[in-house]
C-alpha atoms as a PDB file:
ATOM      1  CA  UNK A   1     -65.195-118.480  20.262  1.00  0.00           C
ATOM      2  CA  UNK A   2     -64.997-115.114  18.872  1.00  0.00           C
ATOM      3  CA  UNK A   3     -64.873-115.263  15.133  1.00  0.00           C
ATOM      4  CA  UNK A   4     -63.558-111.860  13.257  1.00  0.00           C
ATOM      5  CA  UNK A   5     -65.659-112.275  10.081  1.00  0.00           C
ATOM      6  CA  UNK A   6     -68.750-111.038  12.926  1.00  0.00           C
ATOM      7  CA  UNK A   7     -67.053-107.723  13.994  1.00  0.00           C
ATOM      8  CA  UNK A   8     -65.743-104.794  11.701  1.00  0.00           C
ATOM      9  CA  UNK A   9     -63.289-103.985  13.772  1.00  0.00           C
ATOM     10  CA  UNK A  10     -61.400-100.057  13.700  1.00  0.00           C
ATOM     11  CA  UNK A  11     -57.701 -99.911  15.688  1.00  0.00           C
ATOM     12  CA  UNK A  12     -58.128 -96.284  17.240  1.00  0.00           C
ATOM     13  CA  UNK A  13     -54.260 -95.800  18.562  1.00  0.00           C
ATOM     14  CA  UNK A  14     -54.503 -93.518  22.049  1.00  0.00           C
ATOM     15  CA  UNK A  15     -51.176 -90.749  22.308  1.00  0.00           C
ATOM     16  CA  UNK A  16     -48.665 -91.430  25.276  1.00  0.00           C
ATOM     17  CA  UNK A  17     -47.288 -87.276  26.336  1.00  0.00           C
ATOM     18  CA  UNK A  18     -44.671 -86.758  28.752  1.00  0.00           C
ATOM     19  CA  UNK A  19     -44.095 -83.862  29.125  1.00  0.00           C
ATOM     20  CA  UNK A  20     -41.529 -81.674  30.967  1.00  0.00           C
ATOM     21  CA  UNK A  21     -40.804 -82.218  34.925  1.00  0.00           C
ATOM     22  CA  UNK A  22     -42.609 -80.451  37.163  1.00  0.00           C
ATOM     23  CA  UNK A  23     -39.513 -80.346  39.061  1.00  0.00           C
ATOM     24  CA  UNK A  24     -36.704 -77.641  37.822  1.00  0.00           C
ATOM     25  CA  UNK A  25     -33.447 -78.285  37.373  1.00  0.00           C
ATOM     26  CA  UNK A  26     -31.060 -76.794  39.333  1.00  0.00           C
ATOM     27  CA  UNK A  27     -27.081 -75.771  39.465  1.00  0.00           C
ATOM     28  CA  UNK A  28     -25.015 -78.829  41.637  1.00  0.00           C
ATOM     29  CA  UNK A  29     -23.188 -76.884  44.164  1.00  0.00           C
ATOM     30  CA  UNK A  30     -19.604 -74.892  42.616  1.00  0.00           C
ATOM     31  CA  UNK A  31     -21.353 -74.602  39.481  1.00  0.00           C
ATOM     32  CA  UNK A  32     -21.544 -73.558  36.730  1.00  0.00           C
ATOM     33  CA  UNK A  33     -17.847 -72.371  36.620  1.00  0.00           C
ATOM     34  CA  UNK A  34     -16.064 -69.802  34.777  1.00  0.00           C
ATOM     35  CA  UNK A  35     -12.429 -69.840  33.847  1.00  0.00           C
ATOM     36  CA  UNK A  36      -9.997 -68.506  36.152  1.00  0.00           C
ATOM     37  CA  UNK A  37      -6.424 -67.798  35.408  1.00  0.00           C
ATOM     38  CA  UNK A  38      -3.821 -65.777  35.299  1.00  0.00           C
ATOM     39  CA  UNK A  39      -2.190 -64.219  31.911  1.00  0.00           C
ATOM     40  CA  UNK A  40      -0.167 -66.904  29.677  1.00  0.00           C
ATOM     41  CA  UNK A  41      -1.382 -65.777  25.727  1.00  0.00           C
ATOM     42  CA  UNK A  42      -3.814 -68.437  25.483  1.00  0.00           C
ATOM     43  CA  UNK A  43      -7.936 -68.229  24.658  1.00  0.00           C
ATOM     44  CA  UNK A  44      -9.617 -70.159  27.396  1.00  0.00           C
ATOM     45  CA  UNK A  45     -12.911 -71.472  26.920  1.00  0.00           C
ATOM     46  CA  UNK A  46     -14.766 -69.007  29.035  1.00  0.00           C
ATOM     47  CA  UNK A  47     -17.166 -71.952  30.518  1.00  0.00           C
ATOM     48  CA  UNK A  48     -15.166 -74.909  32.538  1.00  0.00           C
ATOM     49  CA  UNK A  49     -17.534 -76.586  34.333  1.00  0.00           C
ATOM     50  CA  UNK A  50     -21.353 -76.888  34.673  1.00  0.00           C
ATOM     51  CA  UNK A  51     -23.471 -79.977  36.592  1.00  0.00           C
ATOM     52  CA  UNK A  52     -26.968 -79.276  36.961  1.00  0.00           C
ATOM     53  CA  UNK A  53     -29.472 -81.337  38.959  1.00  0.00           C
ATOM     54  CA  UNK A  54     -32.390 -82.896  38.062  1.00  0.00           C
ATOM     55  CA  UNK A  55     -34.909 -85.515  39.790  1.00  0.00           C
ATOM     56  CA  UNK A  56     -34.811 -88.341  41.600  1.00  0.00           C
ATOM     57  CA  UNK A  57     -30.421 -87.670  41.947  1.00  0.00           C
ATOM     58  CA  UNK A  58     -30.079 -87.401  38.423  1.00  0.00           C
ATOM     59  CA  UNK A  59     -26.955 -85.546  37.487  1.00  0.00           C
ATOM     60  CA  UNK A  60     -26.153 -83.926  33.858  1.00  0.00           C
ATOM     61  CA  UNK A  61     -22.616 -82.769  33.811  1.00  0.00           C
ATOM     62  CA  UNK A  62     -21.226 -80.561  30.484  1.00  0.00           C
ATOM     63  CA  UNK A  63     -19.266 -82.438  28.481  1.00  0.00           C
ATOM     64  CA  UNK A  64     -20.069 -85.772  29.343  1.00  0.00           C
ATOM     65  CA  UNK A  65     -24.254 -85.719  28.475  1.00  0.00           C
ATOM     66  CA  UNK A  66     -26.192 -84.810  26.643  1.00  0.00           C
ATOM     67  CA  UNK A  67     -27.102 -80.404  26.820  1.00  0.00           C
ATOM     68  CA  UNK A  68     -27.686 -77.658  25.536  1.00  0.00           C
ATOM     69  CA  UNK A  69     -25.645 -74.442  27.178  1.00  0.00           C
ATOM     70  CA  UNK A  70     -26.177 -70.732  25.409  1.00  0.00           C
ATOM     71  CA  UNK A  71     -24.119 -67.786  26.156  1.00  0.00           C
ATOM     72  CA  UNK A  72     -26.089 -64.680  26.072  1.00  0.00           C
ATOM     73  CA  UNK A  73     -24.335 -62.102  24.076  1.00  0.00           C
ATOM     74  CA  UNK A  74     -25.738 -58.149  24.082  1.00  0.00           C
ATOM     75  CA  UNK A  75     -29.818 -59.123  23.637  1.00  0.00           C
ATOM     76  CA  UNK A  76     -29.003 -62.338  21.537  1.00  0.00           C
ATOM     77  CA  UNK A  77     -28.650 -65.995  22.813  1.00  0.00           C
ATOM     78  CA  UNK A  78     -25.677 -68.255  21.073  1.00  0.00           C
ATOM     79  CA  UNK A  79     -24.419 -71.785  21.311  1.00  0.00           C
ATOM     80  CA  UNK A  80     -20.612 -70.621  20.816  1.00  0.00           C
ATOM     81  CA  UNK A  81     -18.496 -70.425  23.497  1.00  0.00           C
ATOM     82  CA  UNK A  82     -17.203 -66.907  24.405  1.00  0.00           C
ATOM     83  CA  UNK A  83     -12.939 -66.730  24.904  1.00  0.00           C
ATOM     84  CA  UNK A  84     -11.404 -65.172  27.487  1.00  0.00           C
ATOM     85  CA  UNK A  85      -7.760 -64.065  26.349  1.00  0.00           C
ATOM     86  CA  UNK A  86      -6.759 -61.136  28.006  1.00  0.00           C
ATOM     87  CA  UNK A  87      -7.359 -59.227  32.076  1.00  0.00           C
ATOM     88  CA  UNK A  88      -9.068 -56.777  29.918  1.00  0.00           C
ATOM     89  CA  UNK A  89     -11.601 -60.047  28.598  1.00  0.00           C
ATOM     90  CA  UNK A  90     -13.061 -60.826  31.927  1.00  0.00           C
ATOM     91  CA  UNK A  91     -16.415 -60.627  32.545  1.00  0.00           C
ATOM     92  CA  UNK A  92     -19.742 -62.147  33.588  1.00  0.00           C
ATOM     93  CA  UNK A  93     -21.739 -63.733  30.729  1.00  0.00           C
ATOM     94  CA  UNK A  94     -25.164 -65.380  31.435  1.00  0.00           C
ATOM     95  CA  UNK A  95     -25.690 -68.356  30.514  1.00  0.00           C
ATOM     96  CA  UNK A  96     -29.100 -70.815  29.477  1.00  0.00           C
ATOM     97  CA  UNK A  97     -28.852 -74.859  29.802  1.00  0.00           C
ATOM     98  CA  UNK A  98     -31.711 -76.933  28.455  1.00  0.00           C
ATOM     99  CA  UNK A  99     -31.593 -80.590  29.091  1.00  0.00           C
ATOM    100  CA  UNK A 100     -33.991 -83.529  27.310  1.00  0.00           C
ATOM    101  CA  UNK A 101     -37.516 -83.747  29.907  1.00  0.00           C
ATOM    102  CA  UNK A 102     -36.814 -80.368  31.545  1.00  0.00           C
ATOM    103  CA  UNK A 103     -37.589 -76.807  31.577  1.00  0.00           C
ATOM    104  CA  UNK A 104     -34.191 -74.553  30.547  1.00  0.00           C
ATOM    105  CA  UNK A 105     -32.396 -73.199  34.149  1.00  0.00           C
ATOM    106  CA  UNK A 106     -30.390 -69.734  33.226  1.00  0.00           C
ATOM    107  CA  UNK A 107     -27.924 -68.644  35.780  1.00  0.00           C
ATOM    108  CA  UNK A 108     -24.097 -66.871  34.784  1.00  0.00           C
ATOM    109  CA  UNK A 109     -20.692 -67.391  35.212  1.00  0.00           C
ATOM    110  CA  UNK A 110     -17.553 -65.202  35.182  1.00  0.00           C
ATOM    111  CA  UNK A 111     -15.134 -65.419  33.872  1.00  0.00           C
ATOM    112  CA  UNK A 112     -11.246 -63.571  34.865  1.00  0.00           C
ATOM    113  CA  UNK A 113      -7.957 -63.576  33.470  1.00  0.00           C
ATOM    114  CA  UNK A 114      -5.555 -62.020  36.370  1.00  0.00           C
ATOM    115  CA  UNK A 115      -2.530 -60.004  35.507  1.00  0.00           C
ATOM    116  CA  UNK A 116       0.601 -61.978  35.308  1.00  0.00           C
ATOM    117  CA  UNK A 117       3.932 -60.897  37.475  1.00  0.00           C
ATOM    118  CA  UNK A 118       6.340 -59.234  36.260  1.00  0.00           C
ATOM    119  CA  UNK A 119      10.289 -57.890  37.088  1.00  0.00           C
ATOM    120  CA  UNK A 120      12.697 -55.856  35.768  1.00  0.00           C
ATOM    121  CA  UNK A 121      15.699 -55.455  37.219  1.00  0.00           C
ATOM    122  CA  UNK A 122      18.133 -52.943  35.852  1.00  0.00           C
ATOM    123  CA  UNK A 123      21.769 -54.025  36.080  1.00  0.00           C
ATOM    124  CA  UNK A 124      24.363 -53.411  38.883  1.00  0.00           C
ATOM    125  CA  UNK A 125      27.811 -51.644  38.108  1.00  0.00           C
ATOM    126  CA  UNK A 126      30.946 -50.195  40.115  1.00  0.00           C
ATOM    127  CA  UNK A 127      34.080 -48.484  38.586  1.00  0.00           C
ATOM    128  CA  UNK A 128      36.646 -46.067  40.123  1.00  0.00           C
ATOM    129  CA  UNK A 129      36.083 -42.421  39.403  1.00  0.00           C
ATOM    130  CA  UNK A 130      38.036 -42.088  35.836  1.00  0.00           C
ATOM    131  CA  UNK A 131      36.284 -38.294  35.090  1.00  0.00           C
ATOM    132  CA  UNK A 132      33.518 -40.425  32.466  1.00  0.00           C
ATOM    133  CA  UNK A 133      30.729 -41.786  33.076  1.00  0.00           C
ATOM    134  CA  UNK A 134      29.434 -44.931  34.373  1.00  0.00           C
ATOM    135  CA  UNK A 135      25.979 -46.505  32.679  1.00  0.00           C
ATOM    136  CA  UNK A 136      25.193 -50.142  32.809  1.00  0.00           C
ATOM    137  CA  UNK A 137      21.993 -49.883  29.973  1.00  0.00           C
ATOM    138  CA  UNK A 138      20.916 -53.543  30.637  1.00  0.00           C
ATOM    139  CA  UNK A 139      17.325 -54.960  31.781  1.00  0.00           C
ATOM    140  CA  UNK A 140      17.133 -58.527  32.640  1.00  0.00           C
ATOM    141  CA  UNK A 141      13.170 -59.396  32.566  1.00  0.00           C
ATOM    142  CA  UNK A 142      11.324 -62.413  34.252  1.00  0.00           C
ATOM    143  CA  UNK A 143       7.975 -63.110  33.917  1.00  0.00           C
ATOM    144  CA  UNK A 144       7.046 -61.720  29.862  1.00  0.00           C
ATOM    145  CA  UNK A 145       4.659 -64.538  28.323  1.00  0.00           C
ATOM    146  CA  UNK A 146       6.864 -66.030  25.330  1.00  0.00           C
ATOM    147  CA  UNK A 147       7.326 -63.514  22.528  1.00  0.00           C
ATOM    148  CA  UNK A 148       6.024 -60.494  24.460  1.00  0.00           C
ATOM    149  CA  UNK A 149       8.413 -57.636  26.275  1.00  0.00           C
ATOM    150  CA  UNK A 150       9.248 -54.522  26.402  1.00  0.00           C
ATOM    151  CA  UNK A 151      11.993 -51.832  25.353  1.00  0.00           C
ATOM    152  CA  UNK A 152      14.815 -50.219  27.777  1.00  0.00           C
ATOM    153  CA  UNK A 153      15.888 -46.484  27.228  1.00  0.00           C
ATOM    154  CA  UNK A 154      17.020 -43.643  29.435  1.00  0.00           C
ATOM    155  CA  UNK A 155      19.129 -45.101  32.100  1.00  0.00           C
ATOM    156  CA  UNK A 156      20.549 -43.065  34.677  1.00  0.00           C
ATOM    157  CA  UNK A 157      24.563 -42.510  34.747  1.00  0.00           C
ATOM    158  CA  UNK A 158      26.784 -40.940  37.510  1.00  0.00           C
ATOM    159  CA  UNK A 159      29.972 -39.195  36.877  1.00  0.00           C
ATOM    160  CA  UNK A 160      31.468 -37.927  40.015  1.00  0.00           C
ATOM    161  CA  UNK A 161      31.935 -40.448  43.460  1.00  0.00           C
ATOM    162  CA  UNK A 162      28.752 -41.941  45.206  1.00  0.00           C
ATOM    163  CA  UNK A 163      25.944 -44.279  44.662  1.00  0.00           C
ATOM    164  CA  UNK A 164      22.761 -43.701  42.537  1.00  0.00           C
ATOM    165  CA  UNK A 165      19.685 -45.787  41.474  1.00  0.00           C
ATOM    166  CA  UNK A 166      19.734 -47.829  37.748  1.00  0.00           C
ATOM    167  CA  UNK A 167      16.826 -45.993  37.040  1.00  0.00           C
ATOM    168  CA  UNK A 168      15.590 -46.365  33.247  1.00  0.00           C
ATOM    169  CA  UNK A 169      12.587 -46.644  31.611  1.00  0.00           C
ATOM    170  CA  UNK A 170      10.586 -49.478  29.439  1.00  0.00           C
ATOM    171  CA  UNK A 171       8.330 -49.174  26.511  1.00  0.00           C
ATOM    172  CA  UNK A 172       5.801 -52.507  26.138  1.00  0.00           C
ATOM    173  CA  UNK A 173       6.782 -54.094  22.949  1.00  0.00           C
ATOM    174  CA  UNK A 174       4.247 -54.280  20.058  1.00  0.00           C
ATOM    175  CA  UNK A 175       1.858 -56.941  20.314  1.00  0.00           C
ATOM    176  CA  UNK A 176       2.353 -56.618  24.663  1.00  0.00           C
ATOM    177  CA  UNK A 177      -0.677 -54.994  26.727  1.00  0.00           C
ATOM    178  CA  UNK A 178       0.609 -53.938  29.773  1.00  0.00           C
ATOM    179  CA  UNK A 179      -2.220 -54.575  31.543  1.00  0.00           C
ATOM    180  CA  UNK A 180      -1.725 -58.007  31.177  1.00  0.00           C
ATOM    181  CA  UNK A 181       1.168 -57.965  33.655  1.00  0.00           C
ATOM    182  CA  UNK A 182       1.785 -56.456  37.902  1.00  0.00           C
ATOM    183  CA  UNK A 183       5.292 -54.869  36.750  1.00  0.00           C
ATOM    184  CA  UNK A 184       7.163 -54.514  39.314  1.00  0.00           C
ATOM    185  CA  UNK A 185      10.728 -52.584  38.733  1.00  0.00           C
ATOM    186  CA  UNK A 186      13.909 -53.475  41.249  1.00  0.00           C
ATOM    187  CA  UNK A 187      16.791 -51.180  40.204  1.00  0.00           C
ATOM    188  CA  UNK A 188      20.781 -51.747  40.039  1.00  0.00           C
ATOM    189  CA  UNK A 189      23.212 -49.798  41.536  1.00  0.00           C
ATOM    190  CA  UNK A 190      25.629 -47.500  39.782  1.00  0.00           C
ATOM    191  CA  UNK A 191      28.566 -46.827  42.411  1.00  0.00           C
ATOM    192  CA  UNK A 192      31.979 -44.943  42.094  1.00  0.00           C
END
């Protein structure tokens, strides 16, 4: 047999190394996906969905699997998720995705906030001729986000027999951006 006493045994451990896959990550079809929605006054994450594919059917899903997602802001990369609230916040954003055992992959998303439809309808009114002007100084507004709106002024008036559109002017309230809305004006009718 072998006697340990007859030997000076020196153990030299080898090194096991795994390098990143030669197969690059790829974005799954339809991925990455940026936010798309109608203005609602709320902040939304710019990235809504992300799936990348690795080797042999390996799939990594944002929010489910461990991955690092970075966003390019100016010349720098940050892990802080960009937010979009207003139509003017809509933009293309470069992203970089890092998954363990793979080289990073870069792509881009488009985060889009579209205008919300609003209808402003002035009142309709009528009366018999009495020599005094007819005015209807009220507007029904449909579609503004809660807490937003407009004020109305310079309504039309009519004094003599006939009909006239009840035109008016509007001014957005403080904190309401007209750029977030498609505004349709519907004039009522004044009739004497």
